[in-house]
Protein backbone atom coordinates (compact mmCIF):
# COMPACT_ATOMS: atom_id res chain seq x y z
CA MET A 1 -114.84 10.85 59.37
CA LYS A 2 -115.66 8.59 56.41
CA ASN A 3 -118.63 8.50 54.05
CA SER A 4 -120.46 5.28 53.19
CA VAL A 5 -123.75 3.98 51.79
CA ASN A 6 -125.56 1.28 53.74
CA GLN A 7 -128.91 -0.37 54.21
CA ILE A 8 -130.36 -0.16 57.70
CA GLN A 9 -129.90 -3.68 59.08
CA LYS A 10 -132.44 -3.42 61.86
CA VAL A 11 -134.54 -0.84 63.65
CA PHE A 12 -134.97 -2.09 67.20
CA GLU A 13 -136.77 -0.67 70.20
CA TYR A 14 -135.45 0.06 73.63
CA GLN A 15 -137.50 0.77 76.74
CA GLY A 16 -140.10 3.48 76.31
CA GLY A 17 -140.48 2.89 72.59
CA HIS A 18 -137.16 4.49 71.62
CA LYS A 19 -136.18 3.36 68.13
CA VAL A 20 -132.48 2.85 67.45
CA ARG A 21 -131.34 2.20 63.87
CA THR A 22 -128.20 0.18 63.15
CA VAL A 23 -126.03 -0.58 60.14
CA VAL A 24 -123.21 -3.08 59.71
CA ILE A 25 -120.08 -1.62 58.09
CA ASP A 26 -117.07 -3.86 57.41
CA GLY A 27 -118.58 -6.48 59.67
CA GLU A 28 -119.01 -4.15 62.65
CA PRO A 29 -122.22 -2.57 64.00
CA TRP A 30 -122.73 1.20 63.80
CA PHE A 31 -125.58 3.14 65.42
CA VAL A 32 -127.49 6.17 64.14
CA ALA A 33 -126.10 8.83 66.47
CA LYS A 34 -129.30 10.86 66.77
CA ASP A 35 -131.24 7.80 67.97
CA VAL A 36 -128.63 7.00 70.63
CA CYS A 37 -128.61 10.60 71.88
CA GLU A 38 -132.40 10.57 72.25
CA VAL A 39 -132.24 7.41 74.37
CA LEU A 40 -129.50 8.94 76.55
CA GLY A 41 -131.22 12.30 76.93
CA LEU A 42 -128.48 14.21 75.10
CA LYS A 43 -129.65 17.23 73.12
CA TRP A 44 -129.04 16.56 69.43
CA LYS A 45 -127.04 19.29 67.67
CA GLY A 46 -125.44 17.18 64.97
CA ASN A 47 -121.65 17.31 64.81
CA GLN A 48 -121.54 19.59 67.82
CA THR A 49 -123.03 16.87 70.02
CA LEU A 50 -120.43 14.40 68.77
CA LYS A 51 -117.50 16.80 69.14
CA PRO A 52 -116.00 14.94 72.16
CA LEU A 53 -115.75 11.73 70.08
CA GLN A 54 -112.65 10.83 68.08
CA ALA A 55 -112.94 11.10 64.29
CA GLU A 56 -112.65 7.33 63.73
CA MET A 57 -115.73 6.78 65.91
CA ILE A 58 -117.98 8.70 63.49
CA ARG A 59 -119.09 8.21 59.90
CA VAL A 60 -121.45 10.02 57.58
CA THR A 61 -123.63 7.50 55.82
CA PHE A 62 -126.50 7.47 53.34
CA TYR A 63 -128.87 4.72 54.39
CA ARG A 64 -132.33 3.53 53.48
CA THR A 65 -134.90 3.27 56.26
CA PRO A 66 -138.28 1.49 56.02
CA THR A 67 -141.27 3.86 55.92
CA ARG A 68 -144.73 3.30 57.37
CA TRP A 69 -145.82 2.11 53.93
CA ALA A 70 -145.15 -1.59 53.51
CA GLY A 71 -142.22 -2.45 51.27
CA GLN A 72 -141.11 1.16 50.82
CA THR A 73 -137.92 2.82 52.06
CA THR A 74 -136.52 6.31 52.09
CA GLN A 75 -132.89 7.37 51.70
CA GLN A 76 -131.45 9.57 54.41
CA GLU A 77 -128.08 11.05 55.24
CA GLY A 78 -126.98 10.81 58.83
CA LEU A 79 -124.19 10.42 61.33
CA VAL A 80 -123.48 6.97 62.72
CA ILE A 81 -121.16 6.01 65.57
CA ASN A 82 -119.36 2.77 66.33
CA GLU A 83 -119.43 0.80 69.57
CA ALA A 84 -116.65 2.86 71.16
CA GLY A 85 -118.48 6.07 70.26
CA LEU A 86 -121.67 4.75 71.81
CA TYR A 87 -119.88 4.04 75.09
CA CYS A 88 -118.42 7.56 75.08
CA LEU A 89 -121.92 9.02 74.78
CA VAL A 90 -123.13 6.79 77.60
CA MET A 91 -120.44 8.27 79.86
CA ARG A 92 -121.65 11.80 79.02
CA SER A 93 -125.28 11.01 79.84
CA ASN A 94 -126.75 11.99 83.21
CA LYS A 95 -129.73 9.66 82.86
CA PRO A 96 -129.82 6.82 85.41
CA GLU A 97 -130.90 4.49 82.61
CA ALA A 98 -127.69 5.09 80.62
CA GLN A 99 -125.86 2.19 82.23
CA ALA A 100 -128.83 -0.12 81.67
CA PHE A 101 -128.89 0.90 78.00
CA GLN A 102 -125.18 0.15 77.67
CA ASN A 103 -125.62 -3.24 79.32
CA TRP A 104 -128.49 -4.07 76.97
CA ILE A 105 -126.45 -3.12 73.90
CA ALA A 106 -123.42 -5.10 75.09
CA SER A 107 -125.24 -8.22 76.29
CA GLU A 108 -128.03 -8.59 73.72
CA VAL A 109 -127.76 -6.42 70.63
CA LEU A 110 -124.05 -6.67 69.77
CA PRO A 111 -123.71 -10.45 70.26
CA SER A 112 -126.78 -11.02 68.09
CA ILE A 113 -125.55 -8.71 65.31
CA ARG A 114 -122.11 -10.33 65.26
CA LYS A 115 -123.55 -13.83 65.25
CA HIS A 116 -126.29 -13.38 62.67
CA GLY A 117 -125.27 -10.23 60.77
CA MET A 118 -128.53 -8.69 62.02
CA TYR A 119 -130.38 -8.06 65.26
CA MET A 120 -132.18 -11.37 65.87
CA THR A 121 -135.16 -10.30 67.95
CA PRO A 122 -138.14 -12.60 68.49
CA GLN A 123 -139.94 -10.56 65.81
CA VAL A 124 -137.15 -11.20 63.30
CA ALA A 125 -137.22 -14.89 64.16
CA LYS A 126 -140.99 -14.86 63.57
CA GLU A 127 -140.47 -13.17 60.20
CA ALA A 128 -137.94 -15.86 59.30
CA ILE A 129 -140.59 -18.51 59.87
CA GLU A 130 -143.48 -16.69 58.21
CA ASP A 131 -141.58 -15.33 55.19
CA THR A 132 -138.69 -17.72 54.74
CA GLU A 133 -137.84 -16.62 51.20
CA ALA A 134 -137.46 -12.95 52.13
CA PHE A 135 -135.41 -13.82 55.19
CA LEU A 136 -133.11 -16.12 53.23
CA ALA A 137 -132.68 -13.51 50.50
CA ARG A 138 -131.60 -11.02 53.14
CA ALA A 139 -129.24 -13.55 54.72
CA LEU A 140 -127.73 -14.35 51.31
CA LEU A 141 -127.05 -10.67 50.66
CA ILE A 142 -125.24 -10.42 54.00
CA ALA A 143 -123.28 -13.61 53.28
CA LYS A 144 -122.35 -12.39 49.78
CA ASP A 145 -121.11 -9.11 51.21
CA LYS A 146 -118.91 -10.95 53.71
CA LEU A 147 -117.60 -13.32 51.01
CA ASP A 148 -116.76 -10.40 48.72
CA LYS A 149 -114.77 -8.79 51.53
CA LEU A 150 -112.97 -12.06 52.30
CA GLU A 151 -112.11 -12.57 48.62
CA ALA A 152 -110.71 -9.04 48.47
CA GLU A 153 -108.60 -9.73 51.55
CA VAL A 154 -107.32 -13.02 50.09
CA LYS A 155 -106.47 -11.28 46.80
CA GLU A 156 -104.51 -8.64 48.70
CA LEU A 157 -102.67 -11.16 50.88
CA LYS A 158 -101.84 -13.71 48.14
CA PRO A 159 -98.77 -11.88 46.73
CA LYS A 160 -97.48 -11.36 50.26
CA ALA A 161 -97.94 -15.05 51.06
CA GLN A 162 -96.17 -16.05 47.85
CA HIS A 163 -93.26 -13.76 48.67
CA PHE A 164 -93.10 -15.21 52.20
CA ASP A 165 -93.10 -18.78 50.84
CA GLU A 166 -90.24 -17.93 48.50
CA TYR A 167 -88.35 -16.36 51.37
CA MET A 168 -88.87 -19.40 53.59
CA ASP A 169 -87.90 -21.71 50.73
CA TYR A 170 -84.53 -19.97 50.40
CA LYS A 171 -84.01 -19.25 54.07
CA GLY A 172 -80.97 -21.20 55.27
CA SER A 173 -79.45 -21.50 51.80
CA HIS A 174 -76.24 -19.75 50.75
CA SER A 175 -74.88 -17.90 47.75
CA PHE A 176 -71.61 -18.98 46.16
CA THR A 177 -70.09 -15.80 47.59
CA ASP A 178 -71.09 -16.96 51.09
CA VAL A 179 -69.55 -20.40 50.52
CA ALA A 180 -66.34 -18.90 49.13
CA ALA A 181 -66.03 -16.60 52.14
CA LEU A 182 -66.39 -19.57 54.50
CA LEU A 183 -63.65 -21.37 52.57
CA GLY A 184 -61.45 -18.28 52.63
CA ILE A 185 -61.21 -18.07 48.83
CA HIS A 186 -62.47 -15.73 46.14
CA VAL A 187 -65.86 -16.61 44.65
CA THR A 188 -64.44 -16.71 41.10
CA VAL A 189 -61.90 -19.33 42.21
CA LEU A 190 -64.65 -21.48 43.72
CA THR A 191 -67.07 -21.27 40.79
CA ALA A 192 -64.30 -21.78 38.21
CA GLN A 193 -63.23 -24.96 40.00
CA MET A 194 -66.83 -26.21 40.23
CA VAL A 195 -67.27 -25.62 36.49
CA SER A 196 -63.97 -27.40 35.80
CA ASP A 197 -65.07 -30.34 38.00
CA GLY A 198 -68.29 -30.71 36.03
CA ILE A 199 -70.53 -29.63 38.94
CA LEU A 200 -71.73 -26.35 37.46
CA ARG A 201 -72.15 -24.90 34.00
CA ARG A 202 -72.94 -21.45 32.62
CA ASN A 203 -75.72 -20.55 30.22
CA ILE A 204 -75.41 -17.93 27.47
CA LYS A 205 -76.11 -15.21 30.05
CA GLY A 206 -73.26 -16.44 32.21
CA GLU A 207 -75.59 -17.69 34.94
CA LEU A 208 -74.47 -20.69 36.96
CA TYR A 209 -76.63 -23.78 37.46
CA PRO A 210 -75.95 -27.44 38.32
CA ARG A 211 -75.16 -29.92 35.60
CA LYS A 212 -77.70 -32.69 35.09
CA ALA A 213 -75.87 -35.17 37.32
CA TYR A 214 -76.16 -32.76 40.27
CA GLN A 215 -79.66 -31.40 39.70
CA SER A 216 -81.29 -34.20 41.69
CA THR A 217 -78.88 -33.94 44.62
CA PRO A 218 -79.83 -32.12 47.84
CA TYR A 219 -76.88 -29.76 47.40
CA PHE A 220 -78.50 -27.01 45.37
CA ARG A 221 -81.74 -25.07 45.01
CA VAL A 222 -82.39 -23.54 41.63
CA LYS A 223 -84.92 -20.78 41.08
CA HIS A 224 -86.13 -20.26 37.51
CA THR A 225 -87.85 -17.02 36.50
CA PRO A 226 -88.53 -15.49 33.06
CA LYS A 227 -85.66 -13.07 33.68
CA TYR A 228 -82.98 -15.08 35.45
CA ILE A 229 -81.79 -18.35 37.01
CA GLN A 230 -80.53 -18.28 40.58
CA THR A 231 -78.64 -21.18 42.15
CA ARG A 232 -78.26 -21.40 45.92
CA VAL A 233 -76.28 -23.84 48.06
CA THR A 234 -78.22 -25.79 50.70
CA PRO A 235 -76.83 -26.62 54.16
CA GLU A 236 -76.09 -30.14 52.83
CA GLY A 237 -74.34 -28.59 49.85
CA LEU A 238 -72.29 -26.34 52.12
CA ASN A 239 -71.03 -29.35 54.09
CA TRP A 240 -70.25 -31.19 50.86
CA LEU A 241 -68.38 -28.27 49.27
CA THR A 242 -66.35 -27.43 52.38
CA SER A 243 -65.37 -31.08 52.68
CA ARG A 244 -64.44 -31.20 49.00
CA TYR A 245 -62.55 -27.92 48.66
CA SER A 246 -61.35 -26.82 52.10
CA ASN A 247 -57.80 -28.11 51.53
CA SER A 248 -57.51 -28.04 47.75
CA LEU A 249 -58.14 -24.42 46.73
CA LYS A 250 -55.87 -21.43 47.18
CA VAL A 251 -56.76 -19.36 50.23
CA VAL A 252 -57.17 -15.61 49.78
CA ASN A 253 -54.57 -13.70 51.80
């Protein structure tokens, strides 16, 4: 069970004047549990009433609800349940109207919340026309919240994507050890011959990289980092090296 702070997105009415308050958390609708229980005829005893529900279906949230005084809200602490939790409570209800309530939530309320970020009743649509600035301000807050979450997700995924790109860039390439093994020779024999033939050179750290004449060829891929240089042999380079050295270097017994 998680704690969160949210603004009530919409208080809507079901048959018989039952008010059901909703919040949107991480892009998904949550319902004030007490309101749902009243509609379904379930006696409200707090956590005890919700005991049959799984922990991930329930959250404790502090939310602000409009009061009867215009423009004023009050902060309350309460239990909210997600869509799955609501359906579990419907199954526990003995009221004949329970199925109708579930159908109404599934066919009208949820699609509207997911499409607009709020429950778009005719009254809300009327408010949008009569007080456009207030409606747009509310919509902008919802949009900003979604953008902030998307930016956070992008920030989290960017290093993973970069790592994947690097992996894909080097996928299919070979180390000099791999090439030497395919030729049946020791890697030091191969690299020494390539240095002698003017294909490779070593820097002061002893790292191998292609000489200028071979840097523009498709035979090698060179990765430069602040800490090291890594040279890999491409599939084209593998064919070229095996053709060049397969019969000229001493085979390891």
